[in-house]
């Protein structure tokens, strides 16, 4: 079974799903080998920094660091900006 998520790093609903739902899904299903979780970037046009955040996640993926970067992007404040993205990329 594969669950495909389409996410926007500035979306409060996506953040809530990441914070509230993902830990349970990870523990009960992904870690148990019952579910494969796939994340796709879907930056919404009315979130001005969602596309740069998605680009940062893709750059991290090239370095095999997508999942840690995804967690960092959801951990930063909702008003994520380019300075925050640059700081998170350096933190990797």
N, C-alpha and C. Protein backbone atom coordinates (compact mmCIF):
# COMPACT_ATOMS: atom_id res chain seq x y z
N UNK A 1 0.85 -1.17 0.00
CA UNK A 1 0.00 0.00 0.00
C UNK A 1 0.90 1.24 0.00
N UNK A 2 0.56 2.22 -0.83
CA UNK A 2 1.34 3.45 -0.93
C UNK A 2 0.44 4.64 -0.66
N UNK A 3 0.88 5.50 0.23
CA UNK A 3 0.18 6.75 0.52
C UNK A 3 1.00 7.88 -0.09
N UNK A 4 0.40 8.62 -1.00
CA UNK A 4 1.09 9.74 -1.64
C UNK A 4 0.52 11.03 -1.06
N UNK A 5 1.41 11.83 -0.50
CA UNK A 5 1.04 13.12 0.10
C UNK A 5 1.46 14.23 -0.86
N UNK A 6 0.60 15.20 -1.07
CA UNK A 6 0.93 16.41 -1.81
C UNK A 6 0.94 17.52 -0.78
N UNK A 7 2.11 18.16 -0.60
CA UNK A 7 2.25 19.07 0.53
C UNK A 7 2.82 20.43 0.14
N UNK A 8 2.51 21.39 0.96
CA UNK A 8 2.96 22.77 0.85
C UNK A 8 3.54 23.12 2.22
N UNK A 9 4.80 23.53 2.27
CA UNK A 9 5.48 23.76 3.54
C UNK A 9 4.97 24.99 4.29
N UNK A 10 4.15 25.81 3.66
CA UNK A 10 3.55 26.96 4.35
C UNK A 10 2.09 26.71 4.73
N UNK A 11 1.56 25.58 4.37
CA UNK A 11 0.15 25.29 4.63
C UNK A 11 -0.04 24.83 6.08
N UNK A 12 -0.91 25.52 6.83
CA UNK A 12 -1.13 25.10 8.22
C UNK A 12 -1.76 23.72 8.34
N UNK A 13 -2.54 23.31 7.36
CA UNK A 13 -3.16 21.99 7.39
C UNK A 13 -2.13 20.90 7.12
N UNK A 14 -1.20 21.18 6.20
CA UNK A 14 -0.12 20.23 5.93
C UNK A 14 0.77 20.09 7.16
N UNK A 15 1.03 21.20 7.82
CA UNK A 15 1.85 21.18 9.04
C UNK A 15 1.15 20.35 10.13
N UNK A 16 -0.13 20.55 10.26
CA UNK A 16 -0.89 19.80 11.27
C UNK A 16 -0.83 18.29 10.96
N UNK A 17 -0.98 17.93 9.70
CA UNK A 17 -0.90 16.51 9.32
C UNK A 17 0.49 15.96 9.63
N UNK A 18 1.52 16.75 9.34
CA UNK A 18 2.89 16.33 9.63
C UNK A 18 3.10 16.13 11.13
N UNK A 19 2.61 17.06 11.92
CA UNK A 19 2.82 17.02 13.37
C UNK A 19 1.94 16.00 14.08
N UNK A 20 0.69 15.89 13.66
CA UNK A 20 -0.27 15.06 14.39
C UNK A 20 -0.47 13.66 13.81
N UNK A 21 -0.45 13.54 12.50
CA UNK A 21 -0.77 12.27 11.86
C UNK A 21 0.47 11.44 11.53
N UNK A 22 1.50 12.08 11.03
CA UNK A 22 2.66 11.34 10.54
C UNK A 22 3.36 10.48 11.59
N UNK A 23 3.54 10.94 12.83
CA UNK A 23 4.21 10.07 13.80
C UNK A 23 3.48 8.74 14.00
N UNK A 24 2.15 8.77 14.02
CA UNK A 24 1.38 7.54 14.18
C UNK A 24 1.46 6.67 12.94
N UNK A 25 1.33 7.27 11.77
CA UNK A 25 1.45 6.51 10.52
C UNK A 25 2.83 5.86 10.42
N UNK A 26 3.85 6.64 10.76
CA UNK A 26 5.22 6.12 10.70
C UNK A 26 5.39 4.92 11.61
N UNK A 27 4.97 5.07 12.83
CA UNK A 27 5.17 4.01 13.83
C UNK A 27 4.34 2.76 13.53
N UNK A 28 3.06 2.94 13.25
CA UNK A 28 2.17 1.80 13.09
C UNK A 28 2.25 1.11 11.74
N UNK A 29 2.53 1.88 10.69
CA UNK A 29 2.42 1.31 9.36
C UNK A 29 3.72 1.33 8.55
N UNK A 30 4.40 2.47 8.50
CA UNK A 30 5.61 2.55 7.69
C UNK A 30 6.72 1.69 8.29
N UNK A 31 6.99 1.88 9.58
CA UNK A 31 8.04 1.10 10.24
C UNK A 31 7.72 -0.39 10.24
N UNK A 32 6.45 -0.74 10.23
CA UNK A 32 6.02 -2.15 10.23
C UNK A 32 6.04 -2.76 8.83
N UNK A 33 6.35 -1.93 7.82
CA UNK A 33 6.41 -2.43 6.45
C UNK A 33 5.05 -2.60 5.79
N UNK A 34 4.02 -2.03 6.36
CA UNK A 34 2.67 -2.16 5.81
C UNK A 34 2.30 -1.03 4.87
N UNK A 35 3.06 0.06 4.91
CA UNK A 35 2.74 1.25 4.13
C UNK A 35 4.02 1.90 3.63
N UNK A 36 3.98 2.32 2.39
CA UNK A 36 5.06 3.13 1.84
C UNK A 36 4.52 4.54 1.73
N UNK A 37 5.26 5.49 2.27
CA UNK A 37 4.82 6.89 2.27
C UNK A 37 5.66 7.67 1.27
N UNK A 38 5.00 8.38 0.37
CA UNK A 38 5.66 9.18 -0.65
C UNK A 38 5.18 10.62 -0.49
N UNK A 39 6.12 11.55 -0.51
CA UNK A 39 5.77 12.97 -0.37
C UNK A 39 6.09 13.69 -1.68
N UNK A 40 5.15 14.46 -2.14
CA UNK A 40 5.32 15.27 -3.35
C UNK A 40 5.11 16.73 -2.99
N UNK A 41 5.93 17.59 -3.55
CA UNK A 41 5.78 19.02 -3.32
C UNK A 41 4.61 19.56 -4.14
N UNK A 42 3.80 20.35 -3.48
CA UNK A 42 2.67 20.98 -4.15
C UNK A 42 2.52 22.40 -3.60
N UNK A 43 3.49 23.28 -3.95
CA UNK A 43 3.44 24.64 -3.43
C UNK A 43 2.26 25.42 -4.01
N UNK A 44 1.47 25.97 -3.14
CA UNK A 44 0.31 26.74 -3.56
C UNK A 44 0.73 28.17 -3.88
N UNK A 45 0.14 28.75 -4.92
CA UNK A 45 0.56 30.06 -5.41
C UNK A 45 0.34 31.18 -4.41
N UNK A 46 -0.59 31.03 -3.47
CA UNK A 46 -0.84 32.09 -2.51
C UNK A 46 0.04 31.99 -1.27
N UNK A 47 0.95 31.02 -1.24
CA UNK A 47 1.98 30.94 -0.21
C UNK A 47 3.30 31.34 -0.87
N UNK A 48 3.74 32.57 -0.67
CA UNK A 48 4.86 33.10 -1.44
C UNK A 48 6.19 32.37 -1.27
N UNK A 49 6.41 31.72 -0.16
CA UNK A 49 7.69 31.03 0.04
C UNK A 49 7.57 29.52 -0.02
N UNK A 50 6.42 29.02 -0.42
CA UNK A 50 6.24 27.57 -0.53
C UNK A 50 7.09 26.99 -1.66
N UNK A 51 7.18 27.70 -2.77
CA UNK A 51 7.99 27.18 -3.88
C UNK A 51 9.47 27.15 -3.53
N UNK A 52 10.04 28.22 -2.93
CA UNK A 52 11.44 28.12 -2.51
C UNK A 52 11.67 27.02 -1.47
N UNK A 53 10.70 26.80 -0.59
CA UNK A 53 10.82 25.72 0.39
C UNK A 53 10.82 24.36 -0.31
N UNK A 54 9.95 24.22 -1.31
CA UNK A 54 9.92 22.97 -2.07
C UNK A 54 11.24 22.76 -2.81
N UNK A 55 11.80 23.82 -3.35
CA UNK A 55 13.10 23.73 -4.02
C UNK A 55 14.19 23.31 -3.04
N UNK A 56 14.14 23.86 -1.84
CA UNK A 56 15.11 23.48 -0.80
C UNK A 56 14.99 21.99 -0.47
N UNK A 57 13.76 21.49 -0.40
CA UNK A 57 13.56 20.07 -0.13
C UNK A 57 14.12 19.21 -1.26
N UNK A 58 13.94 19.65 -2.50
CA UNK A 58 14.46 18.89 -3.63
C UNK A 58 15.98 18.93 -3.67
N UNK A 59 16.58 20.06 -3.31
CA UNK A 59 18.04 20.14 -3.23
C UNK A 59 18.56 19.19 -2.15
N UNK A 60 17.86 19.15 -1.03
CA UNK A 60 18.25 18.23 0.04
C UNK A 60 18.13 16.79 -0.43
N UNK A 61 17.12 16.51 -1.26
CA UNK A 61 16.95 15.15 -1.77
C UNK A 61 18.14 14.72 -2.61
N UNK A 62 18.71 15.64 -3.36
CA UNK A 62 19.89 15.31 -4.16
C UNK A 62 21.06 14.88 -3.29
N UNK A 63 21.03 15.29 -2.03
CA UNK A 63 22.07 14.92 -1.08
C UNK A 63 21.61 13.83 -0.11
N UNK A 64 20.51 13.16 -0.49
CA UNK A 64 19.93 12.09 0.33
C UNK A 64 19.51 12.59 1.71
N UNK A 65 19.01 13.84 1.77
CA UNK A 65 18.59 14.45 3.03
C UNK A 65 17.17 15.01 2.97
N UNK A 66 16.34 14.45 2.08
CA UNK A 66 14.99 14.98 1.92
C UNK A 66 14.19 14.92 3.22
N UNK A 67 14.13 13.75 3.85
CA UNK A 67 13.27 13.59 5.02
C UNK A 67 13.70 14.46 6.19
N UNK A 68 15.00 14.56 6.50
CA UNK A 68 15.39 15.50 7.57
C UNK A 68 15.05 16.95 7.22
N UNK A 69 15.24 17.33 5.94
CA UNK A 69 14.92 18.70 5.54
C UNK A 69 13.42 18.94 5.61
N UNK A 70 12.64 17.98 5.21
CA UNK A 70 11.18 18.09 5.28
C UNK A 70 10.75 18.33 6.73
N UNK A 71 11.34 17.59 7.64
CA UNK A 71 11.02 17.79 9.06
C UNK A 71 11.41 19.18 9.53
N UNK A 72 12.58 19.66 9.08
CA UNK A 72 13.02 21.01 9.46
C UNK A 72 12.09 22.08 8.90
N UNK A 73 11.68 21.90 7.65
CA UNK A 73 10.80 22.90 7.03
C UNK A 73 9.46 22.98 7.75
N UNK A 74 8.95 21.87 8.20
CA UNK A 74 7.70 21.91 8.95
C UNK A 74 7.90 22.41 10.38
N UNK A 75 9.12 22.38 10.87
CA UNK A 75 9.40 22.82 12.24
C UNK A 75 9.57 24.33 12.35
N UNK A 76 9.90 25.00 11.24
CA UNK A 76 10.10 26.44 11.29
C UNK A 76 8.75 27.15 11.31
N UNK A 77 8.74 28.41 11.70
CA UNK A 77 7.47 29.15 11.77
C UNK A 77 6.71 29.15 10.45
N UNK A 78 5.41 29.33 10.55
CA UNK A 78 4.54 29.33 9.38
C UNK A 78 4.96 30.39 8.36
N UNK A 79 5.52 31.48 8.82
CA UNK A 79 5.91 32.57 7.91
C UNK A 79 7.33 32.35 7.38
N UNK A 80 7.62 31.14 6.97
CA UNK A 80 8.92 30.76 6.44
C UNK A 80 9.33 31.76 5.34
N UNK A 81 10.59 32.18 5.38
CA UNK A 81 11.08 33.12 4.38
C UNK A 81 12.43 32.64 3.85
N UNK A 82 13.00 33.38 2.91
CA UNK A 82 14.24 32.94 2.28
C UNK A 82 15.41 32.88 3.27
N UNK A 83 15.47 33.78 4.24
CA UNK A 83 16.53 33.74 5.24
C UNK A 83 16.44 32.46 6.07
N UNK A 84 15.21 32.08 6.42
CA UNK A 84 15.01 30.84 7.17
C UNK A 84 15.41 29.64 6.33
N UNK A 85 15.05 29.64 5.06
CA UNK A 85 15.43 28.53 4.17
C UNK A 85 16.95 28.41 4.07
N UNK A 86 17.62 29.54 3.92
CA UNK A 86 19.08 29.51 3.83
C UNK A 86 19.69 28.98 5.12
N UNK A 87 19.15 29.39 6.25
CA UNK A 87 19.66 28.92 7.54
C UNK A 87 19.44 27.41 7.69
N UNK A 88 18.30 26.91 7.27
CA UNK A 88 18.00 25.48 7.37
C UNK A 88 18.88 24.67 6.44
N UNK A 89 19.19 25.21 5.26
CA UNK A 89 20.07 24.49 4.34
C UNK A 89 21.48 24.41 4.90
N UNK A 90 21.93 25.48 5.55
CA UNK A 90 23.27 25.45 6.16
C UNK A 90 23.31 24.50 7.35
N UNK A 91 22.20 24.33 8.04
CA UNK A 91 22.14 23.48 9.22
C UNK A 91 22.29 22.00 8.86
N UNK A 92 21.99 21.66 7.63
CA UNK A 92 22.12 20.26 7.23
C UNK A 92 23.56 19.92 7.26
